[in-house]
Amino acid sequence: DVQAWVDALIPERGAGGAEKAYKCLRQIIRWAIDEGLEAADPTRRIEIAQPPQEPLNTLTQRRLKKLIRGSVGHAFEPTLILQAALGLRPSENYFLHWKHIDWRTGAVTIEGALLQLPGLVYESTTKTRKSTRTLYLPQWALDRLHAIWKERDRPKGRIIGDAKPLRVAFALKLHALRHRLPWVGMRNLRHTWATLAI
């Protein structure tokens, strides 16, 4: 019985591991059905225990301002500004080039992602089709980014330069810790943006 098998996996592999094993089995059985090797699908109506959700760690508006002001002049200040102002997925932020910002309107075109795996950094499309989009910077962010762009002699490449995503995230975290600034990580800065936008 598939339900008993999934339930037995949870103590050993956790809810996430049980769900992955179930999905793998389901794919195999559906392939067998498509090939005419199996008539029934025993993976239907199976209940999977959901892993517990960790509470989101976000910043208040006051603490976010402190972080942004305390990061003026940092090499990755533009990345931090974009994260705070637009609430991007970190991979979308790392992908951005200066050319993606329209200095006249404040429009930022999100059209790709920069991902890092052990020993590999690669560009990809956005997570979903709807993730390819145009967002608009608030005036404070547009003004500061434009000033940085001019200070850096109007670069054309990627905003993070040649840095790898994990290096950017680590450098921002280290800067925050050294200067006693609030820090919640790039992913939670996205959640901070969403929380403050409500």
C-alpha atoms as a PDB file:
ATOM      1  CA  ASP A   1       0.000   0.000   0.000  1.00  0.00           C
ATOM      2  CA  VAL A   2       1.527   3.303  -1.147  1.00  0.00           C
ATOM      3  CA  GLN A   3       0.116   5.381   1.741  1.00  0.00           C
ATOM      4  CA  ALA A   4       1.727   3.041   4.312  1.00  0.00           C
ATOM      5  CA  TRP A   5       5.045   3.255   2.424  1.00  0.00           C
ATOM      6  CA  VAL A   6       4.948   7.082   2.406  1.00  0.00           C
ATOM      7  CA  ASP A   7       3.991   7.194   6.101  1.00  0.00           C
ATOM      8  CA  ALA A   8       6.886   4.852   6.963  1.00  0.00           C
ATOM      9  CA  LEU A   9       9.351   7.107   5.128  1.00  0.00           C
ATOM     10  CA  ILE A  10       8.508  10.248   7.146  1.00  0.00           C
ATOM     11  CA  PRO A  11      10.306   9.286  10.422  1.00  0.00           C
ATOM     12  CA  GLU A  12      13.379   8.147   8.482  1.00  0.00           C
ATOM     13  CA  ARG A  13      13.604  10.770   5.690  1.00  0.00           C
ATOM     14  CA  GLY A  14      11.417  13.610   6.949  1.00  0.00           C
ATOM     15  CA  ALA A  15       8.330  15.032   5.252  1.00  0.00           C
ATOM     16  CA  GLY A  16      10.373  16.562   2.415  1.00  0.00           C
ATOM     17  CA  GLY A  17      12.233  13.307   1.698  1.00  0.00           C
ATOM     18  CA  ALA A  18       8.994  11.312   1.755  1.00  0.00           C
ATOM     19  CA  GLU A  19       7.418  13.757  -0.681  1.00  0.00           C
ATOM     20  CA  LYS A  20      10.364  13.473  -3.103  1.00  0.00           C
ATOM     21  CA  ALA A  21      10.271   9.663  -2.974  1.00  0.00           C
ATOM     22  CA  TYR A  22       6.511   9.691  -3.566  1.00  0.00           C
ATOM     23  CA  LYS A  23       6.835  12.025  -6.552  1.00  0.00           C
ATOM     24  CA  CYS A  24       9.524   9.805  -8.055  1.00  0.00           C
ATOM     25  CA  LEU A  25       7.319   6.708  -7.665  1.00  0.00           C
ATOM     26  CA  ARG A  26       4.342   8.607  -9.107  1.00  0.00           C
ATOM     27  CA  GLN A  27       6.348   9.585 -12.216  1.00  0.00           C
ATOM     28  CA  ILE A  28       7.446   5.988 -12.776  1.00  0.00           C
ATOM     29  CA  ILE A  29       3.900   4.650 -12.430  1.00  0.00           C
ATOM     30  CA  ARG A  30       2.478   7.326 -14.740  1.00  0.00           C
ATOM     31  CA  TRP A  31       5.138   6.469 -17.318  1.00  0.00           C
ATOM     32  CA  ALA A  32       4.122   2.789 -17.017  1.00  0.00           C
ATOM     33  CA  ILE A  33       0.462   3.759 -17.520  1.00  0.00           C
ATOM     34  CA  ASP A  34       1.365   5.830 -20.601  1.00  0.00           C
ATOM     35  CA  GLU A  35       3.289   2.855 -22.007  1.00  0.00           C
ATOM     36  CA  GLY A  36       0.378   0.483 -21.342  1.00  0.00           C
ATOM     37  CA  LEU A  37       2.289  -1.530 -18.735  1.00  0.00           C
ATOM     38  CA  GLU A  38       0.031  -0.577 -15.823  1.00  0.00           C
ATOM     39  CA  ALA A  39      -3.729  -0.089 -15.763  1.00  0.00           C
ATOM     40  CA  ALA A  40      -4.344   1.615 -12.409  1.00  0.00           C
ATOM     41  CA  ASP A  41      -2.574   4.415 -10.587  1.00  0.00           C
ATOM     42  CA  PRO A  42      -1.956   3.448  -6.932  1.00  0.00           C
ATOM     43  CA  THR A  43      -0.415   6.858  -6.236  1.00  0.00           C
ATOM     44  CA  ARG A  44      -3.779   8.672  -6.434  1.00  0.00           C
ATOM     45  CA  ARG A  45      -5.352  10.066  -3.237  1.00  0.00           C
ATOM     46  CA  ILE A  46      -2.136   9.802  -1.230  1.00  0.00           C
ATOM     47  CA  GLU A  47      -1.754  12.338   1.576  1.00  0.00           C
ATOM     48  CA  ILE A  48       1.685  13.804   2.152  1.00  0.00           C
ATOM     49  CA  ALA A  49       2.552  15.457   5.460  1.00  0.00           C
ATOM     50  CA  GLN A  50       3.784  18.987   4.828  1.00  0.00           C
ATOM     51  CA  PRO A  51       7.127  19.962   6.355  1.00  0.00           C
ATOM     52  CA  PRO A  52       6.781  22.608   9.078  1.00  0.00           C
ATOM     53  CA  GLN A  53       7.081  26.146   7.749  1.00  0.00           C
ATOM     54  CA  GLU A  54       9.855  28.235   9.239  1.00  0.00           C
ATOM     55  CA  PRO A  55       8.707  31.694  10.293  1.00  0.00           C
ATOM     56  CA  LEU A  56       9.846  34.407   7.898  1.00  0.00           C
ATOM     57  CA  ASN A  57      12.456  36.754   9.248  1.00  0.00           C
ATOM     58  CA  THR A  58      11.783  40.252   7.891  1.00  0.00           C
ATOM     59  CA  LEU A  59      12.866  43.798   8.668  1.00  0.00           C
ATOM     60  CA  THR A  60      10.725  46.724   9.709  1.00  0.00           C
ATOM     61  CA  GLN A  61      10.850  49.810   7.506  1.00  0.00           C
ATOM     62  CA  ARG A  62      13.072  51.546  10.051  1.00  0.00           C
ATOM     63  CA  ARG A  63      15.568  48.669  10.169  1.00  0.00           C
ATOM     64  CA  LEU A  64      15.577  48.363   6.376  1.00  0.00           C
ATOM     65  CA  LYS A  65      16.452  52.075   6.098  1.00  0.00           C
ATOM     66  CA  LYS A  66      19.280  51.543   8.588  1.00  0.00           C
ATOM     67  CA  LEU A  67      20.648  48.682   6.475  1.00  0.00           C
ATOM     68  CA  ILE A  68      20.483  50.692   3.236  1.00  0.00           C
ATOM     69  CA  ARG A  69      22.033  53.826   4.757  1.00  0.00           C
ATOM     70  CA  GLY A  70      24.768  51.764   6.419  1.00  0.00           C
ATOM     71  CA  SER A  71      25.676  50.175   3.079  1.00  0.00           C
ATOM     72  CA  VAL A  72      26.332  53.370   1.112  1.00  0.00           C
ATOM     73  CA  GLY A  73      29.586  52.953  -0.801  1.00  0.00           C
ATOM     74  CA  HIS A  74      29.662  49.139  -0.528  1.00  0.00           C
ATOM     75  CA  ALA A  75      30.613  47.338  -3.749  1.00  0.00           C
ATOM     76  CA  PHE A  76      27.236  45.566  -3.826  1.00  0.00           C
ATOM     77  CA  GLU A  77      25.123  48.507  -2.669  1.00  0.00           C
ATOM     78  CA  PRO A  78      23.198  48.501  -6.002  1.00  0.00           C
ATOM     79  CA  THR A  79      22.182  44.874  -5.473  1.00  0.00           C
ATOM     80  CA  LEU A  80      20.951  45.677  -1.976  1.00  0.00           C
ATOM     81  CA  ILE A  81      18.971  48.689  -3.247  1.00  0.00           C
ATOM     82  CA  LEU A  82      17.336  46.614  -5.994  1.00  0.00           C
ATOM     83  CA  GLN A  83      16.428  43.893  -3.505  1.00  0.00           C
ATOM     84  CA  ALA A  84      14.903  46.364  -1.054  1.00  0.00           C
ATOM     85  CA  ALA A  85      13.078  48.379  -3.726  1.00  0.00           C
ATOM     86  CA  LEU A  86      11.751  45.606  -5.982  1.00  0.00           C
ATOM     87  CA  GLY A  87      11.609  42.411  -3.904  1.00  0.00           C
ATOM     88  CA  LEU A  88      13.252  40.285  -6.595  1.00  0.00           C
ATOM     89  CA  ARG A  89      14.182  36.643  -6.332  1.00  0.00           C
ATOM     90  CA  PRO A  90      17.906  36.748  -5.479  1.00  0.00           C
ATOM     91  CA  SER A  91      18.789  34.930  -8.730  1.00  0.00           C
ATOM     92  CA  GLU A  92      16.906  37.563 -10.756  1.00  0.00           C
ATOM     93  CA  ASN A  93      18.780  40.324  -8.939  1.00  0.00           C
ATOM     94  CA  TYR A  94      22.193  38.720  -9.564  1.00  0.00           C
ATOM     95  CA  PHE A  95      21.360  38.407 -13.280  1.00  0.00           C
ATOM     96  CA  LEU A  96      20.609  42.121 -13.805  1.00  0.00           C
ATOM     97  CA  HIS A  97      22.796  44.254 -16.072  1.00  0.00           C
ATOM     98  CA  TRP A  98      22.924  48.034 -15.945  1.00  0.00           C
ATOM     99  CA  LYS A  99      21.216  48.112 -19.355  1.00  0.00           C
ATOM    100  CA  HIS A 100      18.095  46.580 -17.768  1.00  0.00           C
ATOM    101  CA  ILE A 101      17.434  49.883 -15.947  1.00  0.00           C
ATOM    102  CA  ASP A 102      15.697  52.655 -17.882  1.00  0.00           C
ATOM    103  CA  TRP A 103      17.065  55.827 -16.278  1.00  0.00           C
ATOM    104  CA  ARG A 104      14.247  57.960 -17.685  1.00  0.00           C
ATOM    105  CA  THR A 105      11.273  55.947 -16.386  1.00  0.00           C
ATOM    106  CA  GLY A 106      12.783  53.788 -13.620  1.00  0.00           C
ATOM    107  CA  ALA A 107      11.612  50.630 -15.403  1.00  0.00           C
ATOM    108  CA  VAL A 108      13.668  47.504 -14.668  1.00  0.00           C
ATOM    109  CA  THR A 109      13.320  44.566 -17.052  1.00  0.00           C
ATOM    110  CA  ILE A 110      13.485  41.184 -15.320  1.00  0.00           C
ATOM    111  CA  GLU A 111      14.289  38.559 -17.937  1.00  0.00           C
ATOM    112  CA  GLY A 112      16.679  36.006 -16.482  1.00  0.00           C
ATOM    113  CA  ALA A 113      18.309  34.442 -13.451  1.00  0.00           C
ATOM    114  CA  LEU A 114      21.914  33.822 -12.418  1.00  0.00           C
ATOM    115  CA  LEU A 115      22.251  30.625 -10.410  1.00  0.00           C
ATOM    116  CA  GLN A 116      25.164  29.009  -8.610  1.00  0.00           C
ATOM    117  CA  LEU A 117      25.724  25.344  -7.868  1.00  0.00           C
ATOM    118  CA  PRO A 118      28.945  23.801  -6.509  1.00  0.00           C
ATOM    119  CA  GLY A 119      31.546  24.513  -9.180  1.00  0.00           C
ATOM    120  CA  LEU A 120      29.049  26.034 -11.613  1.00  0.00           C
ATOM    121  CA  VAL A 121      27.531  29.471 -12.228  1.00  0.00           C
ATOM    122  CA  TYR A 122      24.995  29.657 -15.039  1.00  0.00           C
ATOM    123  CA  GLU A 123      22.323  31.878 -16.525  1.00  0.00           C
ATOM    124  CA  SER A 124      18.764  30.649 -16.809  1.00  0.00           C
ATOM    125  CA  THR A 125      15.330  31.925 -17.692  1.00  0.00           C
ATOM    126  CA  THR A 126      13.163  33.304 -14.902  1.00  0.00           C
ATOM    127  CA  LYS A 127      11.438  30.786 -12.628  1.00  0.00           C
ATOM    128  CA  THR A 128       8.095  31.019 -14.451  1.00  0.00           C
ATOM    129  CA  ARG A 129       6.836  32.631 -17.658  1.00  0.00           C
ATOM    130  CA  LYS A 130       5.075  35.342 -15.634  1.00  0.00           C
ATOM    131  CA  SER A 131       8.326  36.108 -13.807  1.00  0.00           C
ATOM    132  CA  THR A 132       9.619  37.815 -16.957  1.00  0.00           C
ATOM    133  CA  ARG A 133       8.294  41.269 -16.215  1.00  0.00           C
ATOM    134  CA  THR A 134       8.923  44.990 -15.930  1.00  0.00           C
ATOM    135  CA  LEU A 135       9.020  46.625 -12.505  1.00  0.00           C
ATOM    136  CA  TYR A 136       9.428  50.282 -11.563  1.00  0.00           C
ATOM    137  CA  LEU A 137      11.915  51.680  -9.086  1.00  0.00           C
ATOM    138  CA  PRO A 138      10.792  54.203  -6.485  1.00  0.00           C
ATOM    139  CA  GLN A 139      12.421  57.599  -7.000  1.00  0.00           C
ATOM    140  CA  TRP A 140      14.902  57.263  -4.117  1.00  0.00           C
ATOM    141  CA  ALA A 141      16.245  53.979  -5.526  1.00  0.00           C
ATOM    142  CA  LEU A 142      16.423  55.292  -9.095  1.00  0.00           C
ATOM    143  CA  ASP A 143      18.301  58.411  -7.993  1.00  0.00           C
ATOM    144  CA  ARG A 144      20.848  56.488  -5.910  1.00  0.00           C
ATOM    145  CA  LEU A 145      21.419  53.809  -8.578  1.00  0.00           C
ATOM    146  CA  HIS A 146      21.906  56.497 -11.233  1.00  0.00           C
ATOM    147  CA  ALA A 147      24.461  58.257  -9.021  1.00  0.00           C
ATOM    148  CA  ILE A 148      26.351  54.980  -8.474  1.00  0.00           C
ATOM    149  CA  TRP A 149      26.247  54.212 -12.207  1.00  0.00           C
ATOM    150  CA  LYS A 150      27.785  57.619 -12.990  1.00  0.00           C
ATOM    151  CA  GLU A 151      30.385  57.275 -10.186  1.00  0.00           C
ATOM    152  CA  ARG A 152      31.458  53.949 -11.705  1.00  0.00           C
ATOM    153  CA  ASP A 153      31.913  55.463 -15.209  1.00  0.00           C
ATOM    154  CA  ARG A 154      28.622  54.188 -16.636  1.00  0.00           C
ATOM    155  CA  PRO A 155      29.350  50.427 -16.750  1.00  0.00           C
ATOM    156  CA  LYS A 156      27.411  48.239 -19.180  1.00  0.00           C
ATOM    157  CA  GLY A 157      27.836  44.756 -17.760  1.00  0.00           C
ATOM    158  CA  ARG A 158      26.233  42.872 -14.939  1.00  0.00           C
ATOM    159  CA  ILE A 159      25.494  44.981 -11.849  1.00  0.00           C
ATOM    160  CA  ILE A 160      27.404  42.552  -9.588  1.00  0.00           C
ATOM    161  CA  GLY A 161      30.308  42.565 -12.068  1.00  0.00           C
ATOM    162  CA  ASP A 162      32.211  39.277 -12.243  1.00  0.00           C
ATOM    163  CA  ALA A 163      31.247  38.241  -8.708  1.00  0.00           C
ATOM    164  CA  LYS A 164      29.454  34.962  -8.107  1.00  0.00           C
ATOM    165  CA  PRO A 165      26.034  34.997  -6.402  1.00  0.00           C
ATOM    166  CA  LEU A 166      27.218  33.354  -3.182  1.00  0.00           C
ATOM    167  CA  ARG A 167      30.086  35.827  -2.890  1.00  0.00           C
ATOM    168  CA  VAL A 168      27.645  38.746  -3.203  1.00  0.00           C
ATOM    169  CA  ALA A 169      25.328  37.339  -0.533  1.00  0.00           C
ATOM    170  CA  PHE A 170      28.267  36.574   1.784  1.00  0.00           C
ATOM    171  CA  ALA A 171      29.843  40.017   1.283  1.00  0.00           C
ATOM    172  CA  LEU A 172      26.574  41.790   2.138  1.00  0.00           C
ATOM    173  CA  LYS A 173      26.049  39.609   5.206  1.00  0.00           C
ATOM    174  CA  LEU A 174      29.622  40.173   6.403  1.00  0.00           C
ATOM    175  CA  HIS A 175      29.283  43.932   5.881  1.00  0.00           C
ATOM    176  CA  ALA A 176      26.064  43.981   7.925  1.00  0.00           C
ATOM    177  CA  LEU A 177      27.623  41.965  10.755  1.00  0.00           C
ATOM    178  CA  ARG A 178      30.792  44.088  10.868  1.00  0.00           C
ATOM    179  CA  HIS A 179      28.833  47.333  10.983  1.00  0.00           C
ATOM    180  CA  ARG A 180      26.102  45.995  13.304  1.00  0.00           C
ATOM    181  CA  LEU A 181      23.421  46.478  10.682  1.00  0.00           C
ATOM    182  CA  PRO A 182      20.216  44.431  10.584  1.00  0.00           C
ATOM    183  CA  TRP A 183      20.467  41.485   8.175  1.00  0.00           C
ATOM    184  CA  VAL A 184      17.981  38.780   7.184  1.00  0.00           C
ATOM    185  CA  GLY A 185      19.497  37.435   3.954  1.00  0.00           C
ATOM    186  CA  MET A 186      18.672  38.145   0.307  1.00  0.00           C
ATOM    187  CA  ARG A 187      15.660  35.830   0.243  1.00  0.00           C
ATOM    188  CA  ASN A 188      14.137  37.394   3.331  1.00  0.00           C
ATOM    189  CA  LEU A 189      14.736  40.884   1.943  1.00  0.00           C
ATOM    190  CA  ARG A 190      12.283  39.780  -0.771  1.00  0.00           C
ATOM    191  CA  HIS A 191       9.794  38.884   1.969  1.00  0.00           C
ATOM    192  CA  THR A 192      10.539  42.179   3.714  1.00  0.00           C
ATOM    193  CA  TRP A 193       9.578  44.023   0.538  1.00  0.00           C
ATOM    194  CA  ALA A 194       6.351  42.017   0.247  1.00  0.00           C
ATOM    195  CA  THR A 195       5.485  42.633   3.913  1.00  0.00           C
ATOM    196  CA  LEU A 196       6.090  46.385   3.682  1.00  0.00           C
ATOM    197  CA  ALA A 197       4.158  46.612   0.397  1.00  0.00           C
ATOM    198  CA  ILE A 198       0.945  45.357   2.031  1.00  0.00           C
END
